Amino acid sequence: MGILVVDDEADIRHMITVFLKKSNREVITVGTFSEAKEMLISHNFDLHFLDLNLPDGTGFDLIPFVRKKYNYSRIIVMSAYHNESEMIRAQELGADMFLKKPFSKVQVLNAVNNFLSE
């Protein structure tokens, strides 16, 4: 099992992958909603990093899809737009955590360690 990172910014995808390179887990990154759906159908993941704003959809729309297929897995929503209504909506849809951009290596590693060591 692995970690899926969905973000339209290549720098964010690369940064999270670098942060997690010692996690001994497969990290797959994609930049669009449609690529994320393809990966979610064909792979199993323990943890999902979902950006809210994607060029062809939203992370909000991915949360229920993830919850239906992987009820046991964890979802971390990422957004540079972190108003309270977005955080509440993400939580109501089933996200486990809201990570505000910009975030640090420590925040990413703490989230991964907390969720994957349970």
N, C-alpha and C. Protein backbone atom coordinates (compact mmCIF):
# COMPACT_ATOMS: atom_id res chain seq x y z
N MET A 1 0.84 -1.18 0.00
CA MET A 1 0.00 0.00 0.00
C MET A 1 0.88 1.24 0.00
N GLY A 2 0.30 2.33 -0.41
CA GLY A 2 1.13 3.51 -0.55
C GLY A 2 0.40 4.79 -0.22
N ILE A 3 0.98 5.85 -0.74
CA ILE A 3 0.49 7.20 -0.50
C ILE A 3 0.22 7.84 -1.85
N LEU A 4 -0.94 8.45 -2.00
CA LEU A 4 -1.30 9.18 -3.21
C LEU A 4 -1.26 10.67 -2.91
N VAL A 5 -0.56 11.42 -3.75
CA VAL A 5 -0.49 12.88 -3.63
C VAL A 5 -1.15 13.47 -4.87
N VAL A 6 -2.21 14.24 -4.67
CA VAL A 6 -2.94 14.86 -5.77
C VAL A 6 -2.83 16.37 -5.61
N ASP A 7 -2.08 16.99 -6.50
CA ASP A 7 -1.91 18.44 -6.47
C ASP A 7 -1.53 18.89 -7.87
N ASP A 8 -2.10 20.01 -8.32
CA ASP A 8 -1.80 20.49 -9.66
C ASP A 8 -0.43 21.18 -9.73
N GLU A 9 0.17 21.45 -8.60
CA GLU A 9 1.49 22.09 -8.59
C GLU A 9 2.59 21.02 -8.49
N ALA A 10 3.40 20.93 -9.54
CA ALA A 10 4.47 19.94 -9.57
C ALA A 10 5.44 20.11 -8.40
N ASP A 11 5.69 21.35 -7.99
CA ASP A 11 6.60 21.60 -6.87
C ASP A 11 6.08 20.99 -5.56
N ILE A 12 4.79 21.08 -5.35
CA ILE A 12 4.19 20.50 -4.13
C ILE A 12 4.31 18.98 -4.18
N ARG A 13 3.97 18.40 -5.33
CA ARG A 13 4.08 16.93 -5.47
C ARG A 13 5.50 16.47 -5.22
N HIS A 14 6.45 17.17 -5.79
CA HIS A 14 7.86 16.81 -5.62
C HIS A 14 8.30 16.97 -4.16
N MET A 15 7.90 18.06 -3.54
CA MET A 15 8.30 18.33 -2.17
C MET A 15 7.79 17.24 -1.23
N ILE A 16 6.51 16.86 -1.36
CA ILE A 16 5.97 15.81 -0.49
C ILE A 16 6.68 14.49 -0.74
N THR A 17 6.97 14.18 -1.98
CA THR A 17 7.69 12.95 -2.31
C THR A 17 9.07 12.95 -1.66
N VAL A 18 9.77 14.05 -1.74
CA VAL A 18 11.09 14.16 -1.10
C VAL A 18 10.97 13.99 0.41
N PHE A 19 9.96 14.63 1.00
CA PHE A 19 9.75 14.50 2.45
C PHE A 19 9.53 13.05 2.85
N LEU A 20 8.88 12.29 1.99
CA LEU A 20 8.48 10.92 2.34
C LEU A 20 9.41 9.84 1.79
N LYS A 21 10.53 10.25 1.20
CA LYS A 21 11.39 9.26 0.54
C LYS A 21 11.94 8.19 1.49
N LYS A 22 12.00 8.47 2.76
CA LYS A 22 12.49 7.48 3.72
C LYS A 22 11.36 6.73 4.42
N SER A 23 10.14 6.90 3.95
CA SER A 23 8.99 6.29 4.63
C SER A 23 8.80 4.82 4.28
N ASN A 24 9.58 4.32 3.33
CA ASN A 24 9.46 2.93 2.88
C ASN A 24 8.07 2.61 2.35
N ARG A 25 7.41 3.61 1.81
CA ARG A 25 6.11 3.42 1.18
C ARG A 25 6.16 3.99 -0.23
N GLU A 26 5.41 3.39 -1.10
CA GLU A 26 5.32 3.89 -2.46
C GLU A 26 4.54 5.20 -2.44
N VAL A 27 5.08 6.21 -3.10
CA VAL A 27 4.41 7.51 -3.22
C VAL A 27 4.12 7.73 -4.71
N ILE A 28 2.85 7.88 -5.02
CA ILE A 28 2.43 8.15 -6.40
C ILE A 28 1.85 9.55 -6.41
N THR A 29 2.24 10.32 -7.42
CA THR A 29 1.74 11.70 -7.51
C THR A 29 1.03 11.90 -8.85
N VAL A 30 -0.03 12.69 -8.80
CA VAL A 30 -0.77 13.07 -10.00
C VAL A 30 -1.18 14.53 -9.87
N GLY A 31 -1.49 15.14 -11.03
CA GLY A 31 -1.77 16.57 -11.03
C GLY A 31 -3.19 16.96 -11.38
N THR A 32 -4.05 15.98 -11.67
CA THR A 32 -5.42 16.32 -12.05
C THR A 32 -6.43 15.40 -11.37
N PHE A 33 -7.67 15.84 -11.38
CA PHE A 33 -8.77 15.06 -10.84
C PHE A 33 -8.90 13.74 -11.58
N SER A 34 -8.87 13.79 -12.92
CA SER A 34 -9.05 12.57 -13.71
C SER A 34 -7.91 11.57 -13.49
N GLU A 35 -6.68 12.06 -13.37
CA GLU A 35 -5.56 11.15 -13.07
C GLU A 35 -5.73 10.52 -11.68
N ALA A 36 -6.22 11.31 -10.74
CA ALA A 36 -6.45 10.80 -9.39
C ALA A 36 -7.49 9.69 -9.41
N LYS A 37 -8.59 9.88 -10.13
CA LYS A 37 -9.63 8.85 -10.21
C LYS A 37 -9.06 7.56 -10.81
N GLU A 38 -8.23 7.68 -11.85
CA GLU A 38 -7.62 6.50 -12.46
C GLU A 38 -6.75 5.75 -11.45
N MET A 39 -5.94 6.49 -10.69
CA MET A 39 -5.07 5.87 -9.69
C MET A 39 -5.90 5.23 -8.57
N LEU A 40 -6.96 5.89 -8.17
CA LEU A 40 -7.80 5.36 -7.10
C LEU A 40 -8.51 4.08 -7.51
N ILE A 41 -8.81 3.96 -8.78
CA ILE A 41 -9.45 2.74 -9.29
C ILE A 41 -8.45 1.60 -9.40
N SER A 42 -7.22 1.91 -9.79
CA SER A 42 -6.26 0.85 -10.10
C SER A 42 -5.26 0.52 -8.98
N HIS A 43 -5.21 1.31 -7.93
CA HIS A 43 -4.26 1.08 -6.84
C HIS A 43 -4.94 1.17 -5.48
N ASN A 44 -4.27 0.65 -4.48
CA ASN A 44 -4.73 0.78 -3.10
C ASN A 44 -3.78 1.71 -2.35
N PHE A 45 -4.34 2.61 -1.57
CA PHE A 45 -3.54 3.58 -0.83
C PHE A 45 -3.96 3.60 0.64
N ASP A 46 -2.97 3.82 1.50
CA ASP A 46 -3.22 3.99 2.93
C ASP A 46 -3.53 5.44 3.27
N LEU A 47 -2.95 6.34 2.48
CA LEU A 47 -3.02 7.76 2.79
C LEU A 47 -3.16 8.55 1.50
N HIS A 48 -4.00 9.58 1.55
CA HIS A 48 -4.26 10.43 0.39
C HIS A 48 -4.04 11.89 0.76
N PHE A 49 -3.19 12.57 0.02
CA PHE A 49 -3.03 14.02 0.13
C PHE A 49 -3.82 14.61 -1.04
N LEU A 50 -4.87 15.36 -0.75
CA LEU A 50 -5.74 15.89 -1.80
C LEU A 50 -5.76 17.40 -1.78
N ASP A 51 -5.33 18.00 -2.88
CA ASP A 51 -5.45 19.45 -3.04
C ASP A 51 -6.91 19.75 -3.38
N LEU A 52 -7.41 20.86 -2.91
CA LEU A 52 -8.80 21.20 -3.19
C LEU A 52 -9.01 21.73 -4.59
N ASN A 53 -8.07 22.51 -5.10
CA ASN A 53 -8.25 23.15 -6.40
C ASN A 53 -7.42 22.46 -7.46
N LEU A 54 -8.11 21.74 -8.33
CA LEU A 54 -7.47 21.02 -9.42
C LEU A 54 -8.01 21.57 -10.73
N PRO A 55 -7.25 21.42 -11.82
CA PRO A 55 -7.69 22.03 -13.08
C PRO A 55 -9.00 21.45 -13.63
N ASP A 56 -9.32 20.21 -13.28
CA ASP A 56 -10.49 19.56 -13.86
C ASP A 56 -11.48 19.04 -12.81
N GLY A 57 -11.40 19.56 -11.59
CA GLY A 57 -12.30 19.12 -10.52
C GLY A 57 -11.80 19.65 -9.19
N THR A 58 -12.35 19.08 -8.12
CA THR A 58 -11.92 19.53 -6.79
C THR A 58 -11.60 18.34 -5.90
N GLY A 59 -10.78 18.59 -4.92
CA GLY A 59 -10.51 17.59 -3.91
C GLY A 59 -11.76 17.23 -3.12
N PHE A 60 -12.69 18.19 -2.99
CA PHE A 60 -13.95 17.92 -2.32
C PHE A 60 -14.68 16.76 -3.01
N ASP A 61 -14.60 16.73 -4.34
CA ASP A 61 -15.27 15.67 -5.09
C ASP A 61 -14.56 14.33 -4.98
N LEU A 62 -13.29 14.35 -4.65
CA LEU A 62 -12.54 13.10 -4.49
C LEU A 62 -12.76 12.45 -3.13
N ILE A 63 -13.05 13.25 -2.11
CA ILE A 63 -13.17 12.71 -0.75
C ILE A 63 -14.23 11.60 -0.67
N PRO A 64 -15.46 11.81 -1.16
CA PRO A 64 -16.45 10.72 -1.07
C PRO A 64 -16.04 9.48 -1.86
N PHE A 65 -15.37 9.69 -2.99
CA PHE A 65 -14.90 8.56 -3.80
C PHE A 65 -13.89 7.74 -3.01
N VAL A 66 -12.96 8.42 -2.36
CA VAL A 66 -11.95 7.74 -1.53
C VAL A 66 -12.63 7.02 -0.38
N ARG A 67 -13.54 7.69 0.30
CA ARG A 67 -14.22 7.10 1.46
C ARG A 67 -14.99 5.84 1.07
N LYS A 68 -15.61 5.86 -0.10
CA LYS A 68 -16.39 4.70 -0.55
C LYS A 68 -15.49 3.50 -0.82
N LYS A 69 -14.36 3.74 -1.46
CA LYS A 69 -13.47 2.64 -1.84
C LYS A 69 -12.52 2.25 -0.72
N TYR A 70 -12.03 3.22 0.02
CA TYR A 70 -11.01 2.98 1.04
C TYR A 70 -11.47 3.55 2.38
N ASN A 71 -12.50 3.03 2.95
CA ASN A 71 -13.03 3.58 4.19
C ASN A 71 -11.99 3.60 5.31
N TYR A 72 -11.05 2.68 5.28
CA TYR A 72 -10.02 2.54 6.32
C TYR A 72 -8.87 3.53 6.15
N SER A 73 -8.71 4.09 4.97
CA SER A 73 -7.54 4.92 4.71
C SER A 73 -7.75 6.34 5.24
N ARG A 74 -6.69 7.12 5.22
CA ARG A 74 -6.71 8.48 5.75
C ARG A 74 -6.63 9.50 4.62
N ILE A 75 -7.28 10.63 4.84
CA ILE A 75 -7.31 11.71 3.86
C ILE A 75 -6.81 12.99 4.50
N ILE A 76 -5.81 13.59 3.87
CA ILE A 76 -5.31 14.89 4.27
C ILE A 76 -5.62 15.87 3.13
N VAL A 77 -6.43 16.85 3.42
CA VAL A 77 -6.78 17.87 2.44
C VAL A 77 -5.76 19.00 2.54
N MET A 78 -5.30 19.48 1.38
CA MET A 78 -4.33 20.58 1.33
C MET A 78 -4.94 21.75 0.58
N SER A 79 -4.73 22.95 1.10
CA SER A 79 -5.23 24.12 0.39
C SER A 79 -4.52 25.38 0.85
N ALA A 80 -4.29 26.26 -0.10
CA ALA A 80 -3.76 27.59 0.22
C ALA A 80 -4.89 28.49 0.69
N TYR A 81 -6.12 28.11 0.34
CA TYR A 81 -7.30 28.87 0.75
C TYR A 81 -7.91 28.14 1.93
N HIS A 82 -7.57 28.59 3.11
CA HIS A 82 -7.97 27.84 4.29
C HIS A 82 -8.94 28.63 5.16
N ASN A 83 -10.11 28.85 4.59
CA ASN A 83 -11.13 29.48 5.41
C ASN A 83 -11.90 28.41 6.17
N GLU A 84 -12.60 28.82 7.17
CA GLU A 84 -13.27 27.87 8.06
C GLU A 84 -14.31 27.02 7.33
N SER A 85 -15.00 27.60 6.37
CA SER A 85 -16.03 26.84 5.66
C SER A 85 -15.42 25.69 4.86
N GLU A 86 -14.25 25.90 4.27
CA GLU A 86 -13.57 24.81 3.56
C GLU A 86 -13.16 23.70 4.52
N MET A 87 -12.63 24.07 5.66
CA MET A 87 -12.21 23.08 6.65
C MET A 87 -13.40 22.26 7.13
N ILE A 88 -14.51 22.92 7.40
CA ILE A 88 -15.71 22.22 7.87
C ILE A 88 -16.24 21.30 6.78
N ARG A 89 -16.31 21.80 5.56
CA ARG A 89 -16.81 20.97 4.45
C ARG A 89 -15.94 19.74 4.25
N ALA A 90 -14.63 19.92 4.28
CA ALA A 90 -13.71 18.78 4.11
C ALA A 90 -13.93 17.74 5.21
N GLN A 91 -14.08 18.21 6.43
CA GLN A 91 -14.30 17.30 7.55
C GLN A 91 -15.64 16.58 7.41
N GLU A 92 -16.68 17.30 7.04
CA GLU A 92 -18.00 16.69 6.87
C GLU A 92 -18.00 15.63 5.78
N LEU A 93 -17.19 15.84 4.75
CA LEU A 93 -17.11 14.86 3.66
C LEU A 93 -16.28 13.64 4.03
N GLY A 94 -15.47 13.75 5.10
CA GLY A 94 -14.70 12.60 5.54
C GLY A 94 -13.21 12.77 5.61
N ALA A 95 -12.71 13.98 5.43
CA ALA A 95 -11.27 14.22 5.55
C ALA A 95 -10.84 14.08 7.00
N ASP A 96 -9.64 13.57 7.20
CA ASP A 96 -9.10 13.39 8.54
C ASP A 96 -8.31 14.59 9.02
N MET A 97 -7.80 15.37 8.08
CA MET A 97 -6.94 16.50 8.46
C MET A 97 -6.97 17.54 7.34
N PHE A 98 -6.80 18.80 7.74
CA PHE A 98 -6.70 19.90 6.79
C PHE A 98 -5.32 20.51 6.96
N LEU A 99 -4.51 20.46 5.91
CA LEU A 99 -3.14 20.97 5.96
C LEU A 99 -3.08 22.26 5.16
N LYS A 100 -2.75 23.35 5.86
CA LYS A 100 -2.71 24.66 5.23
C LYS A 100 -1.38 24.86 4.50
N LYS A 101 -1.49 25.30 3.25
CA LYS A 101 -0.30 25.65 2.48
C LYS A 101 0.09 27.07 2.82
N PRO A 102 1.34 27.40 2.93
CA PRO A 102 2.48 26.49 2.82
C PRO A 102 2.64 25.68 4.10
N PHE A 103 3.09 24.46 3.96
CA PHE A 103 3.31 23.60 5.12
C PHE A 103 4.77 23.21 5.17
N SER A 104 5.17 22.65 6.29
CA SER A 104 6.57 22.30 6.50
C SER A 104 6.76 20.79 6.40
N LYS A 105 8.00 20.40 6.29
CA LYS A 105 8.36 18.99 6.29
C LYS A 105 7.88 18.33 7.58
N VAL A 106 8.06 18.99 8.69
CA VAL A 106 7.66 18.45 9.99
C VAL A 106 6.15 18.19 10.01
N GLN A 107 5.35 19.11 9.49
CA GLN A 107 3.90 18.92 9.47
C GLN A 107 3.52 17.69 8.63
N VAL A 108 4.14 17.54 7.49
CA VAL A 108 3.85 16.39 6.62
C VAL A 108 4.26 15.09 7.30
N LEU A 109 5.47 15.05 7.83
CA LEU A 109 5.96 13.83 8.48
C LEU A 109 5.15 13.48 9.72
N ASN A 110 4.77 14.47 10.50
CA ASN A 110 3.93 14.21 11.68
C ASN A 110 2.58 13.62 11.28
N ALA A 111 1.98 14.17 10.25
CA ALA A 111 0.69 13.66 9.79
C ALA A 111 0.82 12.22 9.32
N VAL A 112 1.82 11.95 8.51
CA VAL A 112 2.03 10.60 8.01
C VAL A 112 2.30 9.63 9.15
N ASN A 113 3.17 10.01 10.06
CA ASN A 113 3.49 9.14 11.19
C ASN A 113 2.27 8.88 12.08
N ASN A 114 1.47 9.91 12.33
CA ASN A 114 0.27 9.75 13.15
C ASN A 114 -0.73 8.82 12.49
N PHE A 115 -0.96 9.01 11.21
CA PHE A 115 -2.00 8.24 10.53
C PHE A 115 -1.56 6.82 10.17
N LEU A 116 -0.32 6.65 9.82
CA LEU A 116 0.11 5.32 9.36
C LEU A 116 0.65 4.45 10.46
N SER A 117 0.77 4.99 11.66
CA SER A 117 1.24 4.16 12.78
C SER A 117 0.09 3.68 13.65
N GLU A 118 -1.15 4.09 13.30
CA GLU A 118 -2.32 3.70 14.10
C GLU A 118 -2.62 2.23 13.92
